[in-house]
Amino acid sequence: MAGTEYVLTLDCGWYTGIVSAVSGLLAERGCDIEDIKQFGDRVGRHFYMRLHFEAPEGLELVELENAFGPLTERFDMNWKIRPAAEKTKVLVMVSKFGHCLNDLLFRARIGELPVEIVAVVSNHEDHRGLTEWHGIPFHHIPVTKDNKPEAEAELLALVDRYEADLVVLARYMQVLSDALATRMAGRVINIHHSFLPSFKGAKPYHQAWDRGVKTVGATAHYVNAELDEGPIIAQQVIEVDHTHAPEDLVAVGRDAECKALSNAVRWHCEGRVVLNGNRTVVLR
């Protein structure tokens, strides 16, 4: 019988023999490496690696985790092993614009994303029907300037209730507090158009049309205390020209936002993204 497939993601300082030590440890236990991606950051003197491997039948995850103990001490290594087939529990947040939510729901439904969307939270009721049609719980949490702490407390309670590993802001148009961003560091992904900081506020695509932009893009990033400036995971850029009306730019922007966000969610959930200060390493 076939064994179990796992994904190992690790990062550590710049040492000699890391790849040999890790691959040797797996080989000694009869594991077959199916895919390996690695990156040595010569500027930061740091090393990153992702391995997809198959363990023989009978080799349990806890045995693998225990075996990595000595390497952790030897290389001062951060690492995580998870079953390759394991789906990440995701809680999605949305406001009135539903294109990113709809895209994530569809991709999850057909198995294109390795996720289980456990709930959708919104400060509006607009997408309750869509969400519940997919058989997913919908929670309406209104947000005002007076109830924001209570609303965030309710959100965190839902994160705990559903045991969500990741929160995705699929065009959720409320700014998360610094305290929540800090508590959920590395576990919240946001999407925004790539005109920031050039075109802020209402109707950014109309502002871009007024300036005659030649590209439309989107950026997916981790949320931190700096608004829309967290570590970037994925970006999309689409060329446009003078024939595009403002409404055309909006449509192109929707496509860019959906693709950038779905890529970011996929790479995060496949264990391909490692934080490196205010940057990310994406081991594709």
C-alpha atoms as a PDB file:
ATOM      1  CA  MET A   1       0.000   0.000   0.000  1.00  0.00           C
ATOM      2  CA  ALA A   2       1.083   3.554  -0.676  1.00  0.00           C
ATOM      3  CA  GLY A   3       2.316   5.650   2.204  1.00  0.00           C
ATOM      4  CA  THR A   4       1.276   9.138   3.232  1.00  0.00           C
ATOM      5  CA  GLU A   5       2.456  12.261   1.432  1.00  0.00           C
ATOM      6  CA  TYR A   6       3.689  15.210   3.483  1.00  0.00           C
ATOM      7  CA  VAL A   7       4.891  18.753   2.897  1.00  0.00           C
ATOM      8  CA  LEU A   8       7.840  20.075   4.896  1.00  0.00           C
ATOM      9  CA  THR A   9       8.513  23.818   4.903  1.00  0.00           C
ATOM     10  CA  LEU A  10      11.557  25.167   6.721  1.00  0.00           C
ATOM     11  CA  ASP A  11      13.803  28.184   7.097  1.00  0.00           C
ATOM     12  CA  CYS A  12      17.011  28.683   9.028  1.00  0.00           C
ATOM     13  CA  GLY A  13      20.306  30.535   9.056  1.00  0.00           C
ATOM     14  CA  TRP A  14      23.003  30.130   6.433  1.00  0.00           C
ATOM     15  CA  TYR A  15      24.693  26.796   7.214  1.00  0.00           C
ATOM     16  CA  THR A  16      26.543  24.200   5.194  1.00  0.00           C
ATOM     17  CA  GLY A  17      24.896  20.796   4.809  1.00  0.00           C
ATOM     18  CA  ILE A  18      21.238  21.665   5.364  1.00  0.00           C
ATOM     19  CA  VAL A  19      19.889  19.937   2.257  1.00  0.00           C
ATOM     20  CA  SER A  20      22.056  16.884   2.871  1.00  0.00           C
ATOM     21  CA  ALA A  21      20.960  16.615   6.507  1.00  0.00           C
ATOM     22  CA  VAL A  22      17.251  16.926   5.729  1.00  0.00           C
ATOM     23  CA  SER A  23      17.225  14.633   2.695  1.00  0.00           C
ATOM     24  CA  GLY A  24      19.420  12.134   4.531  1.00  0.00           C
ATOM     25  CA  LEU A  25      17.044  12.063   7.512  1.00  0.00           C
ATOM     26  CA  LEU A  26      14.124  11.328   5.192  1.00  0.00           C
ATOM     27  CA  ALA A  27      16.053   8.701   3.211  1.00  0.00           C
ATOM     28  CA  GLU A  28      17.024   6.862   6.408  1.00  0.00           C
ATOM     29  CA  ARG A  29      13.327   6.439   7.142  1.00  0.00           C
ATOM     30  CA  GLY A  30      12.439   5.215   3.672  1.00  0.00           C
ATOM     31  CA  CYS A  31      10.844   8.453   2.434  1.00  0.00           C
ATOM     32  CA  ASP A  32      10.784   9.385  -1.250  1.00  0.00           C
ATOM     33  CA  ILE A  33      11.159  13.072  -2.140  1.00  0.00           C
ATOM     34  CA  GLU A  34       8.764  14.008  -4.935  1.00  0.00           C
ATOM     35  CA  ASP A  35       9.489  17.732  -5.208  1.00  0.00           C
ATOM     36  CA  ILE A  36      11.940  20.143  -3.635  1.00  0.00           C
ATOM     37  CA  LYS A  37      12.236  23.923  -3.865  1.00  0.00           C
ATOM     38  CA  GLN A  38      14.953  25.896  -2.098  1.00  0.00           C
ATOM     39  CA  PHE A  39      16.325  29.412  -1.909  1.00  0.00           C
ATOM     40  CA  GLY A  40      19.438  30.772  -0.270  1.00  0.00           C
ATOM     41  CA  ASP A  41      19.173  34.477   0.516  1.00  0.00           C
ATOM     42  CA  ARG A  42      22.762  35.693   0.204  1.00  0.00           C
ATOM     43  CA  VAL A  43      21.820  39.188   1.327  1.00  0.00           C
ATOM     44  CA  GLY A  44      20.011  38.125   4.491  1.00  0.00           C
ATOM     45  CA  ARG A  45      22.166  34.981   4.965  1.00  0.00           C
ATOM     46  CA  HIS A  46      19.065  32.838   5.372  1.00  0.00           C
ATOM     47  CA  PHE A  47      17.925  29.590   3.793  1.00  0.00           C
ATOM     48  CA  TYR A  48      14.427  28.423   2.783  1.00  0.00           C
ATOM     49  CA  MET A  49      13.203  25.041   1.590  1.00  0.00           C
ATOM     50  CA  ARG A  50       9.983  23.172   0.808  1.00  0.00           C
ATOM     51  CA  LEU A  51       9.879  19.405   0.288  1.00  0.00           C
ATOM     52  CA  HIS A  52       6.980  17.251  -0.847  1.00  0.00           C
ATOM     53  CA  PHE A  53       7.706  13.658   0.089  1.00  0.00           C
ATOM     54  CA  GLU A  54       6.033  10.290   0.586  1.00  0.00           C
ATOM     55  CA  ALA A  55       6.593   8.420   3.836  1.00  0.00           C
ATOM     56  CA  PRO A  56       6.323   4.625   3.876  1.00  0.00           C
ATOM     57  CA  GLU A  57       3.263   2.967   5.345  1.00  0.00           C
ATOM     58  CA  GLY A  58       3.488   2.833   9.100  1.00  0.00           C
ATOM     59  CA  LEU A  59       5.736   5.879   9.555  1.00  0.00           C
ATOM     60  CA  GLU A  60       3.647   8.255  11.652  1.00  0.00           C
ATOM     61  CA  LEU A  61       3.783  12.051  11.606  1.00  0.00           C
ATOM     62  CA  VAL A  62       4.839  12.180  15.250  1.00  0.00           C
ATOM     63  CA  GLU A  63       7.881  10.036  14.441  1.00  0.00           C
ATOM     64  CA  LEU A  64       8.912  12.439  11.707  1.00  0.00           C
ATOM     65  CA  GLU A  65       8.426  15.427  13.985  1.00  0.00           C
ATOM     66  CA  ASN A  66      10.534  13.835  16.711  1.00  0.00           C
ATOM     67  CA  ALA A  67      13.279  13.037  14.211  1.00  0.00           C
ATOM     68  CA  PHE A  68      13.608  16.709  13.309  1.00  0.00           C
ATOM     69  CA  GLY A  69      14.402  17.691  16.896  1.00  0.00           C
ATOM     70  CA  PRO A  70      18.201  17.388  16.548  1.00  0.00           C
ATOM     71  CA  LEU A  71      18.171  19.326  13.254  1.00  0.00           C
ATOM     72  CA  THR A  72      16.214  22.123  14.913  1.00  0.00           C
ATOM     73  CA  GLU A  73      19.021  22.574  17.420  1.00  0.00           C
ATOM     74  CA  ARG A  74      21.829  22.067  14.917  1.00  0.00           C
ATOM     75  CA  PHE A  75      20.597  24.588  12.352  1.00  0.00           C
ATOM     76  CA  ASP A  76      18.376  26.834  14.520  1.00  0.00           C
ATOM     77  CA  MET A  77      15.597  25.775  12.172  1.00  0.00           C
ATOM     78  CA  ASN A  78      11.930  26.769  11.938  1.00  0.00           C
ATOM     79  CA  TRP A  79       9.910  24.037  10.283  1.00  0.00           C
ATOM     80  CA  LYS A  80       6.470  22.569   9.818  1.00  0.00           C
ATOM     81  CA  ILE A  81       5.329  19.193   8.467  1.00  0.00           C
ATOM     82  CA  ARG A  82       1.742  18.590   7.414  1.00  0.00           C
ATOM     83  CA  PRO A  83      -0.071  15.945   5.359  1.00  0.00           C
ATOM     84  CA  ALA A  84      -0.138  17.049   1.717  1.00  0.00           C
ATOM     85  CA  ALA A  85      -3.827  16.172   1.423  1.00  0.00           C
ATOM     86  CA  GLU A  86      -4.803  18.254   4.455  1.00  0.00           C
ATOM     87  CA  LYS A  87      -7.085  21.171   3.658  1.00  0.00           C
ATOM     88  CA  THR A  88      -6.606  24.517   5.380  1.00  0.00           C
ATOM     89  CA  LYS A  89      -9.628  25.833   7.264  1.00  0.00           C
ATOM     90  CA  VAL A  90     -10.387  29.299   5.891  1.00  0.00           C
ATOM     91  CA  LEU A  91     -12.754  31.994   7.115  1.00  0.00           C
ATOM     92  CA  VAL A  92     -13.587  34.533   4.388  1.00  0.00           C
ATOM     93  CA  MET A  93     -14.610  38.138   5.055  1.00  0.00           C
ATOM     94  CA  VAL A  94     -16.407  40.294   2.494  1.00  0.00           C
ATOM     95  CA  SER A  95     -18.350  43.543   2.197  1.00  0.00           C
ATOM     96  CA  LYS A  96     -20.453  44.505  -0.835  1.00  0.00           C
ATOM     97  CA  PHE A  97     -18.153  43.551  -3.734  1.00  0.00           C
ATOM     98  CA  GLY A  98     -18.601  39.813  -4.203  1.00  0.00           C
ATOM     99  CA  HIS A  99     -16.291  38.854  -7.089  1.00  0.00           C
ATOM    100  CA  CYS A 100     -13.402  37.588  -4.958  1.00  0.00           C
ATOM    101  CA  LEU A 101     -15.753  35.712  -2.622  1.00  0.00           C
ATOM    102  CA  ASN A 102     -17.528  34.081  -5.559  1.00  0.00           C
ATOM    103  CA  ASP A 103     -14.195  33.105  -7.116  1.00  0.00           C
ATOM    104  CA  LEU A 104     -12.896  31.543  -3.892  1.00  0.00           C
ATOM    105  CA  LEU A 105     -16.141  29.661  -3.293  1.00  0.00           C
ATOM    106  CA  PHE A 106     -16.070  28.241  -6.815  1.00  0.00           C
ATOM    107  CA  ARG A 107     -12.387  27.253  -6.726  1.00  0.00           C
ATOM    108  CA  ALA A 108     -12.847  25.602  -3.331  1.00  0.00           C
ATOM    109  CA  ARG A 109     -15.965  23.781  -4.538  1.00  0.00           C
ATOM    110  CA  ILE A 110     -14.214  22.213  -7.547  1.00  0.00           C
ATOM    111  CA  GLY A 111     -11.105  21.337  -5.526  1.00  0.00           C
ATOM    112  CA  GLU A 112      -8.781  23.809  -7.204  1.00  0.00           C
ATOM    113  CA  LEU A 113      -7.801  25.287  -3.829  1.00  0.00           C
ATOM    114  CA  PRO A 114      -6.640  23.059  -0.943  1.00  0.00           C
ATOM    115  CA  VAL A 115      -9.044  24.754   1.458  1.00  0.00           C
ATOM    116  CA  GLU A 116     -12.193  24.183   3.440  1.00  0.00           C
ATOM    117  CA  ILE A 117     -14.125  27.438   3.668  1.00  0.00           C
ATOM    118  CA  VAL A 118     -15.641  27.065   7.127  1.00  0.00           C
ATOM    119  CA  ALA A 119     -17.582  30.347   7.267  1.00  0.00           C
ATOM    120  CA  VAL A 120     -18.136  33.711   5.603  1.00  0.00           C
ATOM    121  CA  VAL A 121     -18.347  36.890   7.676  1.00  0.00           C
ATOM    122  CA  SER A 122     -19.641  40.204   6.352  1.00  0.00           C
ATOM    123  CA  ASN A 123     -20.617  43.635   7.576  1.00  0.00           C
ATOM    124  CA  HIS A 124     -23.483  43.496   5.048  1.00  0.00           C
ATOM    125  CA  GLU A 125     -26.168  40.942   4.190  1.00  0.00           C
ATOM    126  CA  ASP A 126     -25.629  41.056   0.421  1.00  0.00           C
ATOM    127  CA  HIS A 127     -23.895  37.684  -0.004  1.00  0.00           C
ATOM    128  CA  ARG A 128     -25.810  35.526   2.436  1.00  0.00           C
ATOM    129  CA  GLY A 129     -27.697  33.746  -0.357  1.00  0.00           C
ATOM    130  CA  LEU A 130     -24.556  32.972  -2.373  1.00  0.00           C
ATOM    131  CA  THR A 131     -22.725  31.692   0.690  1.00  0.00           C
ATOM    132  CA  GLU A 132     -25.547  29.516   1.970  1.00  0.00           C
ATOM    133  CA  TRP A 133     -26.136  28.103  -1.529  1.00  0.00           C
ATOM    134  CA  HIS A 134     -22.633  26.667  -1.192  1.00  0.00           C
ATOM    135  CA  GLY A 135     -23.656  25.149   2.141  1.00  0.00           C
ATOM    136  CA  ILE A 136     -21.370  27.431   4.163  1.00  0.00           C
ATOM    137  CA  PRO A 137     -22.419  29.323   7.328  1.00  0.00           C
ATOM    138  CA  PHE A 138     -22.845  33.090   6.894  1.00  0.00           C
ATOM    139  CA  HIS A 139     -22.396  35.527   9.780  1.00  0.00           C
ATOM    140  CA  HIS A 140     -23.472  39.166   9.637  1.00  0.00           C
ATOM    141  CA  ILE A 141     -21.371  41.386  11.914  1.00  0.00           C
ATOM    142  CA  PRO A 142     -22.253  45.063  11.407  1.00  0.00           C
ATOM    143  CA  VAL A 143     -19.354  47.431  12.052  1.00  0.00           C
ATOM    144  CA  THR A 144     -19.602  51.074  13.122  1.00  0.00           C
ATOM    145  CA  LYS A 145     -17.105  53.448  14.696  1.00  0.00           C
ATOM    146  CA  ASP A 146     -18.813  52.828  18.030  1.00  0.00           C
ATOM    147  CA  ASN A 147     -18.918  49.010  18.049  1.00  0.00           C
ATOM    148  CA  LYS A 148     -15.647  48.063  16.332  1.00  0.00           C
ATOM    149  CA  PRO A 149     -14.016  46.449  19.427  1.00  0.00           C
ATOM    150  CA  GLU A 150     -17.132  44.346  20.008  1.00  0.00           C
ATOM    151  CA  ALA A 151     -17.322  43.411  16.304  1.00  0.00           C
ATOM    152  CA  GLU A 152     -13.685  42.278  16.289  1.00  0.00           C
ATOM    153  CA  ALA A 153     -14.219  40.280  19.465  1.00  0.00           C
ATOM    154  CA  GLU A 154     -17.139  38.528  17.747  1.00  0.00           C
ATOM    155  CA  LEU A 155     -14.945  37.852  14.724  1.00  0.00           C
ATOM    156  CA  LEU A 156     -12.177  36.331  16.844  1.00  0.00           C
ATOM    157  CA  ALA A 157     -14.755  34.167  18.609  1.00  0.00           C
ATOM    158  CA  LEU A 158     -15.799  32.812  15.195  1.00  0.00           C
ATOM    159  CA  VAL A 159     -12.167  32.175  14.236  1.00  0.00           C
ATOM    160  CA  ASP A 160     -11.811  30.089  17.388  1.00  0.00           C
ATOM    161  CA  ARG A 161     -15.200  28.407  16.977  1.00  0.00           C
ATOM    162  CA  TYR A 162     -14.448  27.239  13.443  1.00  0.00           C
ATOM    163  CA  GLU A 163     -10.761  26.574  14.213  1.00  0.00           C
ATOM    164  CA  ALA A 164      -9.854  28.688  11.187  1.00  0.00           C
ATOM    165  CA  ASP A 165      -6.186  28.566  10.221  1.00  0.00           C
ATOM    166  CA  LEU A 166      -6.464  31.477   7.786  1.00  0.00           C
ATOM    167  CA  VAL A 167      -8.667  34.555   7.392  1.00  0.00           C
ATOM    168  CA  VAL A 168      -9.073  35.945   3.865  1.00  0.00           C
ATOM    169  CA  LEU A 169     -10.285  39.495   3.317  1.00  0.00           C
ATOM    170  CA  ALA A 170     -12.042  39.142  -0.031  1.00  0.00           C
ATOM    171  CA  ARG A 171     -12.702  42.860  -0.546  1.00  0.00           C
ATOM    172  CA  TYR A 172     -13.658  43.397   3.095  1.00  0.00           C
ATOM    173  CA  MET A 173     -13.849  47.177   3.345  1.00  0.00           C
ATOM    174  CA  GLN A 174     -13.101  47.626   7.029  1.00  0.00           C
ATOM    175  CA  VAL A 175      -9.671  48.313   8.508  1.00  0.00           C
ATOM    176  CA  LEU A 176      -8.634  45.759  11.105  1.00  0.00           C
ATOM    177  CA  SER A 177      -7.278  47.104  14.362  1.00  0.00           C
ATOM    178  CA  ASP A 178      -3.553  46.942  15.133  1.00  0.00           C
ATOM    179  CA  ALA A 179      -4.281  44.558  17.997  1.00  0.00           C
ATOM    180  CA  LEU A 180      -6.158  42.106  15.772  1.00  0.00           C
ATOM    181  CA  ALA A 181      -3.527  42.352  13.004  1.00  0.00           C
ATOM    182  CA  THR A 182      -0.788  41.612  15.539  1.00  0.00           C
ATOM    183  CA  ARG A 183      -2.655  38.686  17.099  1.00  0.00           C
ATOM    184  CA  MET A 184      -3.350  37.160  13.651  1.00  0.00           C
ATOM    185  CA  ALA A 185       0.065  37.920  12.127  1.00  0.00           C
ATOM    186  CA  GLY A 186       0.774  35.663   9.162  1.00  0.00           C
ATOM    187  CA  ARG A 187      -2.795  34.321   9.210  1.00  0.00           C
ATOM    188  CA  VAL A 188      -4.727  37.093   7.406  1.00  0.00           C
ATOM    189  CA  ILE A 189      -4.502  37.742   3.662  1.00  0.00           C
ATOM    190  CA  ASN A 190      -5.917  40.880   2.022  1.00  0.00           C
ATOM    191  CA  ILE A 191      -6.410  41.970  -1.594  1.00  0.00           C
ATOM    192  CA  HIS A 192      -6.378  45.459  -3.025  1.00  0.00           C
ATOM    193  CA  HIS A 193      -5.884  47.143  -6.365  1.00  0.00           C
ATOM    194  CA  SER A 194      -2.307  48.081  -7.151  1.00  0.00           C
ATOM    195  CA  PHE A 195      -3.027  51.777  -7.643  1.00  0.00           C
ATOM    196  CA  LEU A 196      -2.347  52.362  -3.961  1.00  0.00           C
ATOM    197  CA  PRO A 197      -1.118  54.818  -2.871  1.00  0.00           C
ATOM    198  CA  SER A 198      -1.740  56.720  -6.136  1.00  0.00           C
ATOM    199  CA  PHE A 199      -5.525  56.474  -6.212  1.00  0.00           C
ATOM    200  CA  LYS A 200      -7.209  56.189  -2.835  1.00  0.00           C
ATOM    201  CA  GLY A 201     -10.794  56.450  -1.691  1.00  0.00           C
ATOM    202  CA  ALA A 202     -13.897  56.038  -3.809  1.00  0.00           C
ATOM    203  CA  LYS A 203     -13.782  54.903  -7.443  1.00  0.00           C
ATOM    204  CA  PRO A 204     -10.026  54.358  -7.832  1.00  0.00           C
ATOM    205  CA  TYR A 205     -10.487  52.912 -11.322  1.00  0.00           C
ATOM    206  CA  HIS A 206     -12.248  56.078 -12.433  1.00  0.00           C
ATOM    207  CA  GLN A 207      -9.374  58.113 -11.018  1.00  0.00           C
ATOM    208  CA  ALA A 208      -6.970  55.860 -12.925  1.00  0.00           C
ATOM    209  CA  TRP A 209      -8.927  56.376 -16.140  1.00  0.00           C
ATOM    210  CA  ASP A 210      -8.664  60.141 -15.678  1.00  0.00           C
ATOM    211  CA  ARG A 211      -4.883  59.742 -15.558  1.00  0.00           C
ATOM    212  CA  GLY A 212      -4.743  57.439 -18.575  1.00  0.00           C
ATOM    213  CA  VAL A 213      -3.136  54.446 -16.880  1.00  0.00           C
ATOM    214  CA  LYS A 214      -1.666  51.715 -19.075  1.00  0.00           C
ATOM    215  CA  THR A 215      -1.769  48.841 -16.581  1.00  0.00           C
ATOM    216  CA  VAL A 216      -4.259  47.592 -14.016  1.00  0.00           C
ATOM    217  CA  GLY A 217      -3.083  45.365 -11.213  1.00  0.00           C
ATOM    218  CA  ALA A 218      -3.818  43.798  -7.853  1.00  0.00           C
ATOM    219  CA  THR A 219      -1.753  42.861  -4.804  1.00  0.00           C
ATOM    220  CA  ALA A 220      -2.447  40.128  -2.260  1.00  0.00           C
ATOM    221  CA  HIS A 221      -0.544  40.475   0.994  1.00  0.00           C
ATOM    222  CA  TYR A 222      -0.471  39.537   4.642  1.00  0.00           C
ATOM    223  CA  VAL A 223      -2.162  42.029   6.929  1.00  0.00           C
ATOM    224  CA  ASN A 224      -0.094  43.907   9.474  1.00  0.00           C
ATOM    225  CA  ALA A 225      -0.454  47.142  11.422  1.00  0.00           C
ATOM    226  CA  GLU A 226       0.512  49.210   8.352  1.00  0.00           C
ATOM    227  CA  LEU A 227      -2.557  49.670   6.141  1.00  0.00           C
ATOM    228  CA  ASP A 228      -2.146  47.833   2.813  1.00  0.00           C
ATOM    229  CA  GLU A 229       1.625  47.553   3.340  1.00  0.00           C
ATOM    230  CA  GLY A 230       1.998  44.014   4.692  1.00  0.00           C
ATOM    231  CA  PRO A 231       4.341  41.431   3.112  1.00  0.00           C
ATOM    232  CA  ILE A 232       3.352  40.829  -0.522  1.00  0.00           C
ATOM    233  CA  ILE A 233       2.485  37.275  -1.569  1.00  0.00           C
ATOM    234  CA  ALA A 234       1.122  37.593  -5.126  1.00  0.00           C
ATOM    235  CA  GLN A 235       0.490  40.277  -7.737  1.00  0.00           C
ATOM    236  CA  GLN A 236      -1.232  40.438 -11.107  1.00  0.00           C
ATOM    237  CA  VAL A 237      -0.779  43.091 -13.806  1.00  0.00           C
ATOM    238  CA  ILE A 238      -2.930  43.434 -16.945  1.00  0.00           C
ATOM    239  CA  GLU A 239      -2.209  45.897 -19.754  1.00  0.00           C
ATOM    240  CA  VAL A 240      -4.930  48.364 -20.766  1.00  0.00           C
ATOM    241  CA  ASP A 241      -5.059  51.274 -23.176  1.00  0.00           C
ATOM    242  CA  HIS A 242      -7.036  54.334 -24.273  1.00  0.00           C
ATOM    243  CA  THR A 243      -9.926  52.212 -25.550  1.00  0.00           C
ATOM    244  CA  HIS A 244     -10.847  51.076 -22.041  1.00  0.00           C
ATOM    245  CA  ALA A 245     -13.692  53.040 -20.456  1.00  0.00           C
ATOM    246  CA  PRO A 246     -13.770  53.373 -16.659  1.00  0.00           C
ATOM    247  CA  GLU A 247     -16.179  50.431 -16.467  1.00  0.00           C
ATOM    248  CA  ASP A 248     -13.736  48.331 -18.512  1.00  0.00           C
ATOM    249  CA  LEU A 249     -10.960  49.104 -16.044  1.00  0.00           C
ATOM    250  CA  VAL A 250     -13.213  48.003 -13.201  1.00  0.00           C
ATOM    251  CA  ALA A 251     -13.874  44.689 -14.990  1.00  0.00           C
ATOM    252  CA  VAL A 252     -10.172  44.130 -15.685  1.00  0.00           C
ATOM    253  CA  GLY A 253      -9.443  44.991 -12.059  1.00  0.00           C
ATOM    254  CA  ARG A 254     -11.896  42.369 -10.850  1.00  0.00           C
ATOM    255  CA  ASP A 255     -10.071  39.697 -12.840  1.00  0.00           C
ATOM    256  CA  ALA A 256      -6.699  40.800 -11.489  1.00  0.00           C
ATOM    257  CA  GLU A 257      -7.961  40.839  -7.903  1.00  0.00           C
ATOM    258  CA  CYS A 258      -9.490  37.363  -8.166  1.00  0.00           C
ATOM    259  CA  LYS A 259      -6.349  35.824  -9.663  1.00  0.00           C
ATOM    260  CA  ALA A 260      -3.906  37.485  -7.263  1.00  0.00           C
ATOM    261  CA  LEU A 261      -5.989  36.507  -4.240  1.00  0.00           C
ATOM    262  CA  SER A 262      -6.557  32.894  -5.297  1.00  0.00           C
ATOM    263  CA  ASN A 263      -2.828  32.485  -6.008  1.00  0.00           C
ATOM    264  CA  ALA A 264      -1.927  33.899  -2.602  1.00  0.00           C
ATOM    265  CA  VAL A 265      -4.392  31.614  -0.831  1.00  0.00           C
ATOM    266  CA  ARG A 266      -3.190  28.559  -2.762  1.00  0.00           C
ATOM    267  CA  TRP A 267       0.500  29.211  -2.131  1.00  0.00           C
ATOM    268  CA  HIS A 268      -0.085  29.894   1.563  1.00  0.00           C
ATOM    269  CA  CYS A 269      -2.151  26.735   2.010  1.00  0.00           C
ATOM    270  CA  GLU A 270       0.345  24.599   0.095  1.00  0.00           C
ATOM    271  CA  GLY A 271       3.107  25.677   2.480  1.00  0.00           C
ATOM    272  CA  ARG A 272       4.957  27.669  -0.155  1.00  0.00           C
ATOM    273  CA  VAL A 273       5.107  31.044   1.600  1.00  0.00           C
ATOM    274  CA  VAL A 274       7.662  31.915   4.265  1.00  0.00           C
ATOM    275  CA  LEU A 275       7.773  35.318   5.928  1.00  0.00           C
ATOM    276  CA  ASN A 276      11.089  37.145   5.676  1.00  0.00           C
ATOM    277  CA  GLY A 277      10.665  40.383   7.633  1.00  0.00           C
ATOM    278  CA  ASN A 278       8.431  42.619   5.515  1.00  0.00           C
ATOM    279  CA  ARG A 279       8.958  40.380   2.490  1.00  0.00           C
ATOM    280  CA  THR A 280       7.968  36.843   1.598  1.00  0.00           C
ATOM    281  CA  VAL A 281       9.751  33.945  -0.013  1.00  0.00           C
ATOM    282  CA  VAL A 282       7.347  31.988  -2.238  1.00  0.00           C
ATOM    283  CA  LEU A 283       8.742  28.558  -3.036  1.00  0.00           C
ATOM    284  CA  ARG A 284       6.848  27.821  -6.256  1.00  0.00           C
END
